[in-house]
Amino acid sequence: MSTNDTAPAGKPPVAAVPGDPARAAKSAPAKPRPEKARQPTSIVPSATIAGRALVAVVAIMTFLAAITIGSAVAVRSTASQWRSDVTREVTIQIRAGDKASTDAQVQAAADIARKTPGIADAHILTGEETSRLLEPWLGSGLDLNDLPVPRVVVLRLDGAGTADLARLKRTLTDKIPTASLDDHRGWSRRLVAVTDAVMLIGVVMLALVGLATVLSVVFATRAAVATNRAVVEVLHFVGARDGFIAAQFQRHFLKIGTQGGLIGGLGAAAVFGTIAALPQLGLGGDPELPTVVSWLNPGLWGFLGIAVAVAVVALATALTSRVTVYRTLRTIQ
């Protein structure tokens, strides 16, 4: 039988050409296309007004938590640096009097300090340096010769902790009655107290923000369960396990927590990043004067803390929704 006898009506016959794979492929019947796998449908609606509102709430809470963490880390880091600088320095003050006599006493105090074990260096502040120290309080362009400003000798410790400051203080009092030694321990204690208070306030604020976030998630989860109660009851009665139903809500609220956390965390990181970049742009003011821009820089640990806050908020949102769903399912008889 020829190929013309088997060809369908209305179509030209296709002759099989030996050794021609292209012609053979065209003559082969088309294979049916596999159907695309259907994505599992969640029982919780993904885009609702309540869901968008919860994303905004979580974003605001995460932003506040991140700002608190970054500020606390920045304050602690700056205070630690200040304490380190303070504990490495001691000052000797000589009361103002006759210029020649005062200069001699200042030089004698510096010589005594240099001979004391544990003192690495003794620097006598000049009039210009003293003027810069008093400029934030007295203003610029002030003639200190008209004021009884004491002379200051700055002593730098060697860091080994071998300096006997009590003995140095007695020696100065015996030989130079107008001299007084200040080791800044009182100021350091006050700085520690302020730092601890700031950290305590930060912890309290984080606890309040966390509590508000958990309550918001609880109410949102209950509302979602109430909205989909009919679906939940049907699944429950046909034998669906509570873990499966809770996982649906947990996945939904994990997505909400992640979205809100990223929005709030990135917003806080942008704020601190802008503050940290201002000095490089020449907008941070005088670098020697303490300002918000100069010390409100959380550094690497602060940004890591913000990232941890985002992760904790997302996980807390998911776990809170799961626990709430389990408790709600127990009420379904």
C-alpha atoms as a PDB file:
ATOM      1  CA  MET A   1       0.000   0.000   0.000  1.00  0.00           C
ATOM      2  CA  SER A   2       1.345   3.446  -0.872  1.00  0.00           C
ATOM      3  CA  THR A   3       1.479   6.451   1.407  1.00  0.00           C
ATOM      4  CA  ASN A   4      -1.129   8.236  -0.728  1.00  0.00           C
ATOM      5  CA  ASP A   5      -3.768   5.658   0.244  1.00  0.00           C
ATOM      6  CA  THR A   6      -3.320   6.260   4.011  1.00  0.00           C
ATOM      7  CA  ALA A   7      -3.216  10.065   3.972  1.00  0.00           C
ATOM      8  CA  PRO A   8      -6.200  11.805   5.595  1.00  0.00           C
ATOM      9  CA  ALA A   9      -8.648  13.547   3.336  1.00  0.00           C
ATOM     10  CA  GLY A  10      -7.981  17.203   2.629  1.00  0.00           C
ATOM     11  CA  LYS A  11      -4.271  17.071   3.514  1.00  0.00           C
ATOM     12  CA  PRO A  12      -1.385  16.367   1.190  1.00  0.00           C
ATOM     13  CA  PRO A  13       0.407  13.143   1.828  1.00  0.00           C
ATOM     14  CA  VAL A  14       3.695  13.359   3.692  1.00  0.00           C
ATOM     15  CA  ALA A  15       6.264  10.982   2.406  1.00  0.00           C
ATOM     16  CA  ALA A  16       8.595   9.429   4.888  1.00  0.00           C
ATOM     17  CA  VAL A  17      12.115  10.247   3.919  1.00  0.00           C
ATOM     18  CA  PRO A  18      14.662   7.877   5.392  1.00  0.00           C
ATOM     19  CA  GLY A  19      17.404   9.649   7.340  1.00  0.00           C
ATOM     20  CA  ASP A  20      15.464  12.963   7.656  1.00  0.00           C
ATOM     21  CA  PRO A  21      14.773  13.476  11.419  1.00  0.00           C
ATOM     22  CA  ALA A  22      13.198  16.921  10.899  1.00  0.00           C
ATOM     23  CA  ARG A  23      10.564  15.520   8.534  1.00  0.00           C
ATOM     24  CA  ALA A  24       9.982  12.592  10.893  1.00  0.00           C
ATOM     25  CA  ALA A  25       9.490  14.945  13.857  1.00  0.00           C
ATOM     26  CA  LYS A  26       6.908  16.962  11.925  1.00  0.00           C
ATOM     27  CA  SER A  27       4.992  13.847  10.999  1.00  0.00           C
ATOM     28  CA  ALA A  28       4.952  12.552  14.615  1.00  0.00           C
ATOM     29  CA  PRO A  29       1.783  13.255  16.639  1.00  0.00           C
ATOM     30  CA  ALA A  30       2.044  16.187  19.127  1.00  0.00           C
ATOM     31  CA  LYS A  31       2.454  15.186  22.777  1.00  0.00           C
ATOM     32  CA  PRO A  32      -0.041  16.600  25.263  1.00  0.00           C
ATOM     33  CA  ARG A  33       1.376  19.421  27.447  1.00  0.00           C
ATOM     34  CA  PRO A  34       1.554  18.660  31.159  1.00  0.00           C
ATOM     35  CA  GLU A  35      -0.762  20.730  33.309  1.00  0.00           C
ATOM     36  CA  LYS A  36       0.830  23.287  35.606  1.00  0.00           C
ATOM     37  CA  ALA A  37       0.896  22.395  39.249  1.00  0.00           C
ATOM     38  CA  ARG A  38      -1.691  24.330  41.140  1.00  0.00           C
ATOM     39  CA  GLN A  39      -0.456  26.503  43.990  1.00  0.00           C
ATOM     40  CA  PRO A  40      -1.974  25.646  47.365  1.00  0.00           C
ATOM     41  CA  THR A  41      -4.657  28.131  48.311  1.00  0.00           C
ATOM     42  CA  SER A  42      -4.538  29.598  51.818  1.00  0.00           C
ATOM     43  CA  ILE A  43      -7.725  29.743  53.853  1.00  0.00           C
ATOM     44  CA  VAL A  44      -6.696  33.209  55.088  1.00  0.00           C
ATOM     45  CA  PRO A  45      -7.223  36.052  52.583  1.00  0.00           C
ATOM     46  CA  SER A  46      -3.841  37.518  51.688  1.00  0.00           C
ATOM     47  CA  ALA A  47      -4.943  41.088  50.884  1.00  0.00           C
ATOM     48  CA  THR A  48      -7.456  42.675  53.225  1.00  0.00           C
ATOM     49  CA  ILE A  49      -7.836  46.063  54.855  1.00  0.00           C
ATOM     50  CA  ALA A  50      -7.158  44.497  58.255  1.00  0.00           C
ATOM     51  CA  GLY A  51      -3.999  42.853  56.913  1.00  0.00           C
ATOM     52  CA  ARG A  52      -2.671  46.111  55.504  1.00  0.00           C
ATOM     53  CA  ALA A  53      -3.486  47.897  58.743  1.00  0.00           C
ATOM     54  CA  LEU A  54      -1.597  45.249  60.713  1.00  0.00           C
ATOM     55  CA  VAL A  55       1.413  45.660  58.411  1.00  0.00           C
ATOM     56  CA  ALA A  56       1.384  49.391  59.218  1.00  0.00           C
ATOM     57  CA  VAL A  57       1.107  48.699  62.953  1.00  0.00           C
ATOM     58  CA  VAL A  58       3.963  46.196  62.884  1.00  0.00           C
ATOM     59  CA  ALA A  59       6.078  48.621  60.828  1.00  0.00           C
ATOM     60  CA  ILE A  60       5.511  51.433  63.347  1.00  0.00           C
ATOM     61  CA  MET A  61       6.275  49.172  66.301  1.00  0.00           C
ATOM     62  CA  THR A  62       9.422  47.835  64.638  1.00  0.00           C
ATOM     63  CA  PHE A  63      10.553  51.362  63.817  1.00  0.00           C
ATOM     64  CA  LEU A  64      10.134  52.447  67.448  1.00  0.00           C
ATOM     65  CA  ALA A  65      11.930  49.335  68.702  1.00  0.00           C
ATOM     66  CA  ALA A  66      14.787  49.823  66.223  1.00  0.00           C
ATOM     67  CA  ILE A  67      15.150  53.504  67.135  1.00  0.00           C
ATOM     68  CA  THR A  68      15.268  52.551  70.806  1.00  0.00           C
ATOM     69  CA  ILE A  69      17.875  49.840  70.228  1.00  0.00           C
ATOM     70  CA  GLY A  70      20.067  52.068  68.049  1.00  0.00           C
ATOM     71  CA  SER A  71      19.890  54.984  70.481  1.00  0.00           C
ATOM     72  CA  ALA A  72      20.669  52.784  73.495  1.00  0.00           C
ATOM     73  CA  VAL A  73      23.656  51.202  71.749  1.00  0.00           C
ATOM     74  CA  ALA A  74      24.916  54.623  70.623  1.00  0.00           C
ATOM     75  CA  VAL A  75      24.601  56.091  74.127  1.00  0.00           C
ATOM     76  CA  ARG A  76      26.337  53.117  75.711  1.00  0.00           C
ATOM     77  CA  SER A  77      29.169  53.182  73.162  1.00  0.00           C
ATOM     78  CA  THR A  78      29.697  56.933  73.516  1.00  0.00           C
ATOM     79  CA  ALA A  79      29.558  56.793  77.309  1.00  0.00           C
ATOM     80  CA  SER A  80      32.070  53.932  77.325  1.00  0.00           C
ATOM     81  CA  GLN A  81      34.413  55.940  75.134  1.00  0.00           C
ATOM     82  CA  TRP A  82      34.061  58.999  77.351  1.00  0.00           C
ATOM     83  CA  ARG A  83      34.729  56.928  80.469  1.00  0.00           C
ATOM     84  CA  SER A  84      37.802  55.432  78.840  1.00  0.00           C
ATOM     85  CA  ASP A  85      39.127  58.898  78.019  1.00  0.00           C
ATOM     86  CA  VAL A  86      38.322  60.199  81.500  1.00  0.00           C
ATOM     87  CA  THR A  87      39.939  57.323  83.362  1.00  0.00           C
ATOM     88  CA  ARG A  88      43.152  57.796  81.374  1.00  0.00           C
ATOM     89  CA  GLU A  89      43.479  61.462  82.377  1.00  0.00           C
ATOM     90  CA  VAL A  90      43.913  63.389  85.621  1.00  0.00           C
ATOM     91  CA  THR A  91      44.019  67.156  85.962  1.00  0.00           C
ATOM     92  CA  ILE A  92      45.845  69.464  88.316  1.00  0.00           C
ATOM     93  CA  GLN A  93      44.354  72.927  88.869  1.00  0.00           C
ATOM     94  CA  ILE A  94      46.399  75.870  90.132  1.00  0.00           C
ATOM     95  CA  ARG A  95      44.413  78.816  91.466  1.00  0.00           C
ATOM     96  CA  ALA A  96      45.057  82.061  89.632  1.00  0.00           C
ATOM     97  CA  GLY A  97      47.282  84.662  91.275  1.00  0.00           C
ATOM     98  CA  ASP A  98      50.388  86.645  90.421  1.00  0.00           C
ATOM     99  CA  LYS A  99      51.395  85.636  86.891  1.00  0.00           C
ATOM    100  CA  ALA A 100      55.044  84.923  87.651  1.00  0.00           C
ATOM    101  CA  SER A 101      54.197  83.008  90.826  1.00  0.00           C
ATOM    102  CA  THR A 102      51.405  81.065  89.116  1.00  0.00           C
ATOM    103  CA  ASP A 103      53.666  80.088  86.206  1.00  0.00           C
ATOM    104  CA  ALA A 104      56.297  78.823  88.637  1.00  0.00           C
ATOM    105  CA  GLN A 105      53.739  76.790  90.562  1.00  0.00           C
ATOM    106  CA  VAL A 106      52.347  75.301  87.359  1.00  0.00           C
ATOM    107  CA  GLN A 107      55.812  74.241  86.229  1.00  0.00           C
ATOM    108  CA  ALA A 108      56.569  72.760  89.660  1.00  0.00           C
ATOM    109  CA  ALA A 109      53.316  70.776  89.624  1.00  0.00           C
ATOM    110  CA  ALA A 110      54.117  69.407  86.166  1.00  0.00           C
ATOM    111  CA  ASP A 111      57.614  68.373  87.291  1.00  0.00           C
ATOM    112  CA  ILE A 112      56.234  66.595  90.358  1.00  0.00           C
ATOM    113  CA  ALA A 113      53.714  64.734  88.216  1.00  0.00           C
ATOM    114  CA  ARG A 114      56.331  63.628  85.679  1.00  0.00           C
ATOM    115  CA  LYS A 115      58.403  62.083  88.469  1.00  0.00           C
ATOM    116  CA  THR A 116      55.442  60.111  89.780  1.00  0.00           C
ATOM    117  CA  PRO A 117      55.351  56.425  88.715  1.00  0.00           C
ATOM    118  CA  GLY A 118      52.382  55.647  86.481  1.00  0.00           C
ATOM    119  CA  ILE A 119      52.195  59.119  84.909  1.00  0.00           C
ATOM    120  CA  ALA A 120      53.033  58.923  81.211  1.00  0.00           C
ATOM    121  CA  ASP A 121      52.911  62.635  80.379  1.00  0.00           C
ATOM    122  CA  ALA A 122      52.061  66.015  81.871  1.00  0.00           C
ATOM    123  CA  HIS A 123      50.783  68.739  79.548  1.00  0.00           C
ATOM    124  CA  ILE A 124      50.317  72.355  80.639  1.00  0.00           C
ATOM    125  CA  LEU A 125      47.317  73.888  78.911  1.00  0.00           C
ATOM    126  CA  THR A 126      48.060  77.152  77.147  1.00  0.00           C
ATOM    127  CA  GLY A 127      45.787  80.171  77.250  1.00  0.00           C
ATOM    128  CA  GLU A 128      44.308  79.313  73.860  1.00  0.00           C
ATOM    129  CA  GLU A 129      43.508  75.742  74.915  1.00  0.00           C
ATOM    130  CA  THR A 130      41.875  76.965  78.117  1.00  0.00           C
ATOM    131  CA  SER A 131      39.857  79.476  76.118  1.00  0.00           C
ATOM    132  CA  ARG A 132      38.558  76.728  73.814  1.00  0.00           C
ATOM    133  CA  LEU A 133      37.513  74.688  76.834  1.00  0.00           C
ATOM    134  CA  LEU A 134      35.520  77.613  78.250  1.00  0.00           C
ATOM    135  CA  GLU A 135      34.118  78.779  74.910  1.00  0.00           C
ATOM    136  CA  PRO A 136      30.858  76.740  75.085  1.00  0.00           C
ATOM    137  CA  TRP A 137      29.964  78.518  78.355  1.00  0.00           C
ATOM    138  CA  LEU A 138      31.609  81.948  78.090  1.00  0.00           C
ATOM    139  CA  GLY A 139      31.576  82.472  74.333  1.00  0.00           C
ATOM    140  CA  SER A 140      34.413  83.239  71.929  1.00  0.00           C
ATOM    141  CA  GLY A 141      36.759  86.198  71.833  1.00  0.00           C
ATOM    142  CA  LEU A 142      37.001  86.454  75.621  1.00  0.00           C
ATOM    143  CA  ASP A 143      40.165  87.815  77.254  1.00  0.00           C
ATOM    144  CA  LEU A 144      40.994  85.427  80.086  1.00  0.00           C
ATOM    145  CA  ASN A 145      43.505  87.826  81.575  1.00  0.00           C
ATOM    146  CA  ASP A 146      40.623  89.727  83.134  1.00  0.00           C
ATOM    147  CA  LEU A 147      39.222  86.619  84.831  1.00  0.00           C
ATOM    148  CA  PRO A 148      40.681  84.530  87.666  1.00  0.00           C
ATOM    149  CA  VAL A 149      40.782  81.390  85.552  1.00  0.00           C
ATOM    150  CA  PRO A 150      42.855  78.602  87.140  1.00  0.00           C
ATOM    151  CA  ARG A 151      45.729  77.042  85.236  1.00  0.00           C
ATOM    152  CA  VAL A 152      45.331  73.387  84.298  1.00  0.00           C
ATOM    153  CA  VAL A 153      47.875  70.598  83.919  1.00  0.00           C
ATOM    154  CA  VAL A 154      46.580  67.473  82.179  1.00  0.00           C
ATOM    155  CA  LEU A 155      48.215  64.226  83.289  1.00  0.00           C
ATOM    156  CA  ARG A 156      47.964  61.137  81.103  1.00  0.00           C
ATOM    157  CA  LEU A 157      48.202  57.810  82.875  1.00  0.00           C
ATOM    158  CA  ASP A 158      50.210  54.934  81.434  1.00  0.00           C
ATOM    159  CA  GLY A 159      47.217  52.560  81.565  1.00  0.00           C
ATOM    160  CA  ALA A 160      48.906  50.041  83.868  1.00  0.00           C
ATOM    161  CA  GLY A 161      47.085  51.364  86.934  1.00  0.00           C
ATOM    162  CA  THR A 162      50.288  51.865  88.941  1.00  0.00           C
ATOM    163  CA  ALA A 163      49.865  55.586  89.628  1.00  0.00           C
ATOM    164  CA  ASP A 164      49.380  56.370  93.310  1.00  0.00           C
ATOM    165  CA  LEU A 165      47.050  59.352  92.939  1.00  0.00           C
ATOM    166  CA  ALA A 166      46.462  59.675  96.693  1.00  0.00           C
ATOM    167  CA  ARG A 167      50.178  60.103  97.313  1.00  0.00           C
ATOM    168  CA  LEU A 168      50.458  62.554  94.408  1.00  0.00           C
ATOM    169  CA  LYS A 169      47.603  64.578  95.873  1.00  0.00           C
ATOM    170  CA  ARG A 170      49.316  64.777  99.279  1.00  0.00           C
ATOM    171  CA  THR A 171      52.614  65.787  97.684  1.00  0.00           C
ATOM    172  CA  LEU A 172      50.966  68.560  95.687  1.00  0.00           C
ATOM    173  CA  THR A 173      49.075  69.838  98.734  1.00  0.00           C
ATOM    174  CA  ASP A 174      52.292  69.948 100.816  1.00  0.00           C
ATOM    175  CA  LYS A 175      54.474  71.679  98.218  1.00  0.00           C
ATOM    176  CA  ILE A 176      51.908  73.763  96.317  1.00  0.00           C
ATOM    177  CA  PRO A 177      49.014  74.853  98.561  1.00  0.00           C
ATOM    178  CA  THR A 178      47.105  76.380  95.631  1.00  0.00           C
ATOM    179  CA  ALA A 179      47.084  73.087  93.679  1.00  0.00           C
ATOM    180  CA  SER A 180      44.263  70.557  93.634  1.00  0.00           C
ATOM    181  CA  LEU A 181      44.121  67.133  91.986  1.00  0.00           C
ATOM    182  CA  ASP A 182      40.954  65.934  90.230  1.00  0.00           C
ATOM    183  CA  ASP A 183      40.761  62.315  89.060  1.00  0.00           C
ATOM    184  CA  HIS A 184      37.188  62.716  87.642  1.00  0.00           C
ATOM    185  CA  ARG A 185      35.889  59.708  89.548  1.00  0.00           C
ATOM    186  CA  GLY A 186      32.775  61.592  90.640  1.00  0.00           C
ATOM    187  CA  TRP A 187      31.973  62.619  87.082  1.00  0.00           C
ATOM    188  CA  SER A 188      32.597  59.068  85.905  1.00  0.00           C
ATOM    189  CA  ARG A 189      30.146  57.687  88.479  1.00  0.00           C
ATOM    190  CA  ARG A 190      27.478  60.153  87.375  1.00  0.00           C
ATOM    191  CA  LEU A 191      28.078  59.192  83.752  1.00  0.00           C
ATOM    192  CA  VAL A 192      27.636  55.513  84.626  1.00  0.00           C
ATOM    193  CA  ALA A 193      24.392  56.314  86.446  1.00  0.00           C
ATOM    194  CA  VAL A 194      23.037  58.243  83.457  1.00  0.00           C
ATOM    195  CA  THR A 195      24.015  55.445  81.066  1.00  0.00           C
ATOM    196  CA  ASP A 196      22.327  52.822  83.223  1.00  0.00           C
ATOM    197  CA  ALA A 197      19.186  54.967  83.393  1.00  0.00           C
ATOM    198  CA  VAL A 198      19.111  55.309  79.596  1.00  0.00           C
ATOM    199  CA  MET A 199      19.533  51.557  79.164  1.00  0.00           C
ATOM    200  CA  LEU A 200      16.743  50.877  81.674  1.00  0.00           C
ATOM    201  CA  ILE A 201      14.423  53.264  79.829  1.00  0.00           C
ATOM    202  CA  GLY A 202      15.307  51.516  76.574  1.00  0.00           C
ATOM    203  CA  VAL A 203      14.467  48.099  78.021  1.00  0.00           C
ATOM    204  CA  VAL A 204      11.116  49.376  79.335  1.00  0.00           C
ATOM    205  CA  MET A 205      10.274  50.905  75.950  1.00  0.00           C
ATOM    206  CA  LEU A 206      11.170  47.676  74.164  1.00  0.00           C
ATOM    207  CA  ALA A 207       8.936  45.731  76.543  1.00  0.00           C
ATOM    208  CA  LEU A 208       6.025  48.114  75.927  1.00  0.00           C
ATOM    209  CA  VAL A 209       6.521  47.997  72.156  1.00  0.00           C
ATOM    210  CA  GLY A 210       6.688  44.207  72.238  1.00  0.00           C
ATOM    211  CA  LEU A 211       3.518  44.003  74.346  1.00  0.00           C
ATOM    212  CA  ALA A 212       1.657  46.333  71.975  1.00  0.00           C
ATOM    213  CA  THR A 213       2.787  44.278  68.973  1.00  0.00           C
ATOM    214  CA  VAL A 214       1.668  40.991  70.552  1.00  0.00           C
ATOM    215  CA  LEU A 215      -1.745  42.431  71.474  1.00  0.00           C
ATOM    216  CA  SER A 216      -2.219  43.787  67.951  1.00  0.00           C
ATOM    217  CA  VAL A 217      -1.410  40.382  66.460  1.00  0.00           C
ATOM    218  CA  VAL A 218      -3.756  38.625  68.891  1.00  0.00           C
ATOM    219  CA  PHE A 219      -6.682  40.858  67.966  1.00  0.00           C
ATOM    220  CA  ALA A 220      -5.891  40.590  64.243  1.00  0.00           C
ATOM    221  CA  THR A 221      -5.668  36.781  64.455  1.00  0.00           C
ATOM    222  CA  ARG A 222      -8.978  36.513  66.280  1.00  0.00           C
ATOM    223  CA  ALA A 223     -10.578  38.761  63.669  1.00  0.00           C
ATOM    224  CA  ALA A 224      -9.168  36.601  60.860  1.00  0.00           C
ATOM    225  CA  VAL A 225     -10.424  33.413  62.516  1.00  0.00           C
ATOM    226  CA  ALA A 226     -13.854  34.977  63.079  1.00  0.00           C
ATOM    227  CA  THR A 227     -14.015  36.096  59.447  1.00  0.00           C
ATOM    228  CA  ASN A 228     -13.130  32.601  58.217  1.00  0.00           C
ATOM    229  CA  ARG A 229     -14.914  30.724  61.002  1.00  0.00           C
ATOM    230  CA  ALA A 230     -17.140  28.778  58.609  1.00  0.00           C
ATOM    231  CA  VAL A 231     -14.134  27.519  56.658  1.00  0.00           C
ATOM    232  CA  VAL A 232     -12.260  26.696  59.849  1.00  0.00           C
ATOM    233  CA  GLU A 233     -15.230  24.770  61.263  1.00  0.00           C
ATOM    234  CA  VAL A 234     -15.667  22.750  58.068  1.00  0.00           C
ATOM    235  CA  LEU A 235     -11.972  21.855  57.998  1.00  0.00           C
ATOM    236  CA  HIS A 236     -12.112  21.009  61.680  1.00  0.00           C
ATOM    237  CA  PHE A 237     -15.135  18.729  61.339  1.00  0.00           C
ATOM    238  CA  VAL A 238     -13.912  16.891  58.232  1.00  0.00           C
ATOM    239  CA  GLY A 239     -10.811  15.845  60.118  1.00  0.00           C
ATOM    240  CA  ALA A 240      -8.217  18.546  59.423  1.00  0.00           C
ATOM    241  CA  ARG A 241      -5.707  18.682  62.208  1.00  0.00           C
ATOM    242  CA  ASP A 242      -5.355  21.794  64.314  1.00  0.00           C
ATOM    243  CA  GLY A 243      -1.707  22.013  63.287  1.00  0.00           C
ATOM    244  CA  PHE A 244      -2.659  22.319  59.612  1.00  0.00           C
ATOM    245  CA  ILE A 245      -5.197  25.089  60.295  1.00  0.00           C
ATOM    246  CA  ALA A 246      -2.796  26.934  62.607  1.00  0.00           C
ATOM    247  CA  ALA A 247      -0.006  26.663  60.026  1.00  0.00           C
ATOM    248  CA  GLN A 248      -2.184  28.479  57.490  1.00  0.00           C
ATOM    249  CA  PHE A 249      -2.636  31.435  59.815  1.00  0.00           C
ATOM    250  CA  GLN A 250       0.990  31.290  60.948  1.00  0.00           C
ATOM    251  CA  ARG A 251       2.228  31.503  57.353  1.00  0.00           C
ATOM    252  CA  HIS A 252      -0.075  34.435  56.673  1.00  0.00           C
ATOM    253  CA  PHE A 253       0.976  36.407  59.751  1.00  0.00           C
ATOM    254  CA  LEU A 254       4.644  35.561  59.258  1.00  0.00           C
ATOM    255  CA  LYS A 255       4.387  37.298  55.901  1.00  0.00           C
ATOM    256  CA  ILE A 256       2.713  40.293  57.523  1.00  0.00           C
ATOM    257  CA  GLY A 257       5.319  40.432  60.300  1.00  0.00           C
ATOM    258  CA  THR A 258       8.169  40.192  57.817  1.00  0.00           C
ATOM    259  CA  GLN A 259       6.766  42.965  55.631  1.00  0.00           C
ATOM    260  CA  GLY A 260       6.077  45.282  58.542  1.00  0.00           C
ATOM    261  CA  GLY A 261       9.377  44.468  60.225  1.00  0.00           C
ATOM    262  CA  LEU A 262      11.386  45.181  57.094  1.00  0.00           C
ATOM    263  CA  ILE A 263       9.600  48.486  56.518  1.00  0.00           C
ATOM    264  CA  GLY A 264      10.158  49.647  60.097  1.00  0.00           C
ATOM    265  CA  GLY A 265      13.706  48.310  60.341  1.00  0.00           C
ATOM    266  CA  LEU A 266      14.826  49.824  57.037  1.00  0.00           C
ATOM    267  CA  GLY A 267      13.258  53.139  58.043  1.00  0.00           C
ATOM    268  CA  ALA A 268      15.196  53.201  61.331  1.00  0.00           C
ATOM    269  CA  ALA A 269      18.408  52.112  59.579  1.00  0.00           C
ATOM    270  CA  ALA A 270      17.938  54.939  57.068  1.00  0.00           C
ATOM    271  CA  VAL A 271      17.593  57.456  59.923  1.00  0.00           C
ATOM    272  CA  PHE A 272      20.768  56.290  61.672  1.00  0.00           C
ATOM    273  CA  GLY A 273      22.614  55.973  58.357  1.00  0.00           C
ATOM    274  CA  THR A 274      21.751  59.577  57.499  1.00  0.00           C
ATOM    275  CA  ILE A 275      22.920  60.777  60.922  1.00  0.00           C
ATOM    276  CA  ALA A 276      26.189  58.829  60.585  1.00  0.00           C
ATOM    277  CA  ALA A 277      26.787  60.277  57.098  1.00  0.00           C
ATOM    278  CA  LEU A 278      26.246  63.924  58.081  1.00  0.00           C
ATOM    279  CA  PRO A 279      29.817  64.515  59.401  1.00  0.00           C
ATOM    280  CA  GLN A 280      31.268  63.201  56.127  1.00  0.00           C
ATOM    281  CA  LEU A 281      29.048  65.684  54.294  1.00  0.00           C
ATOM    282  CA  GLY A 282      30.263  68.568  56.456  1.00  0.00           C
ATOM    283  CA  LEU A 283      26.861  68.989  58.148  1.00  0.00           C
ATOM    284  CA  GLY A 284      27.692  67.639  61.599  1.00  0.00           C
ATOM    285  CA  GLY A 285      28.909  70.884  63.126  1.00  0.00           C
ATOM    286  CA  ASP A 286      32.110  71.283  65.106  1.00  0.00           C
ATOM    287  CA  PRO A 287      33.511  67.756  65.660  1.00  0.00           C
ATOM    288  CA  GLU A 288      34.986  68.803  69.029  1.00  0.00           C
ATOM    289  CA  LEU A 289      31.628  69.920  70.436  1.00  0.00           C
ATOM    290  CA  PRO A 290      29.290  67.146  71.625  1.00  0.00           C
ATOM    291  CA  THR A 291      26.123  67.191  69.531  1.00  0.00           C
ATOM    292  CA  VAL A 292      23.429  64.686  68.659  1.00  0.00           C
ATOM    293  CA  VAL A 293      25.009  64.130  65.261  1.00  0.00           C
ATOM    294  CA  SER A 294      28.425  63.439  66.770  1.00  0.00           C
ATOM    295  CA  TRP A 295      27.344  60.727  69.216  1.00  0.00           C
ATOM    296  CA  LEU A 296      24.058  59.282  67.887  1.00  0.00           C
ATOM    297  CA  ASN A 297      25.796  56.703  65.722  1.00  0.00           C
ATOM    298  CA  PRO A 298      24.906  53.117  66.672  1.00  0.00           C
ATOM    299  CA  GLY A 299      27.777  51.584  64.719  1.00  0.00           C
ATOM    300  CA  LEU A 300      27.868  47.997  63.527  1.00  0.00           C
ATOM    301  CA  TRP A 301      26.352  46.544  66.707  1.00  0.00           C
ATOM    302  CA  GLY A 302      23.443  48.962  66.503  1.00  0.00           C
ATOM    303  CA  PHE A 303      22.597  47.978  62.936  1.00  0.00           C
ATOM    304  CA  LEU A 304      22.910  44.295  63.878  1.00  0.00           C
ATOM    305  CA  GLY A 305      20.509  44.955  66.745  1.00  0.00           C
ATOM    306  CA  ILE A 306      18.032  46.485  64.292  1.00  0.00           C
ATOM    307  CA  ALA A 307      18.289  43.385  62.078  1.00  0.00           C
ATOM    308  CA  VAL A 308      17.684  41.157  65.099  1.00  0.00           C
ATOM    309  CA  ALA A 309      14.653  43.276  66.034  1.00  0.00           C
ATOM    310  CA  VAL A 310      13.166  42.749  62.567  1.00  0.00           C
ATOM    311  CA  ALA A 311      13.639  38.978  62.819  1.00  0.00           C
ATOM    312  CA  VAL A 312      12.216  38.845  66.355  1.00  0.00           C
ATOM    313  CA  VAL A 313       9.143  40.866  65.359  1.00  0.00           C
ATOM    314  CA  ALA A 314       8.438  38.579  62.389  1.00  0.00           C
ATOM    315  CA  LEU A 315       8.830  35.403  64.469  1.00  0.00           C
ATOM    316  CA  ALA A 316       6.825  36.829  67.375  1.00  0.00           C
ATOM    317  CA  THR A 317       4.003  37.750  65.000  1.00  0.00           C
ATOM    318  CA  ALA A 318       3.897  34.231  63.551  1.00  0.00           C
ATOM    319  CA  LEU A 319       4.114  32.430  66.903  1.00  0.00           C
ATOM    320  CA  THR A 320       1.515  34.697  68.508  1.00  0.00           C
ATOM    321  CA  SER A 321      -0.935  33.982  65.694  1.00  0.00           C
ATOM    322  CA  ARG A 322      -0.322  30.242  66.006  1.00  0.00           C
ATOM    323  CA  VAL A 323      -0.978  30.223  69.744  1.00  0.00           C
ATOM    324  CA  THR A 324      -4.094  32.353  69.282  1.00  0.00           C
ATOM    325  CA  VAL A 325      -5.463  29.988  66.612  1.00  0.00           C
ATOM    326  CA  TYR A 326      -4.912  26.960  68.858  1.00  0.00           C
ATOM    327  CA  ARG A 327      -6.803  28.629  71.686  1.00  0.00           C
ATOM    328  CA  THR A 328      -9.611  29.622  69.337  1.00  0.00           C
ATOM    329  CA  LEU A 329      -9.931  26.084  67.911  1.00  0.00           C
ATOM    330  CA  ARG A 330     -10.474  24.720  71.413  1.00  0.00           C
ATOM    331  CA  THR A 331     -13.709  26.693  71.614  1.00  0.00           C
ATOM    332  CA  ILE A 332     -15.091  24.986  68.492  1.00  0.00           C
ATOM    333  CA  GLN A 333     -17.153  21.975  69.581  1.00  0.00           C
END
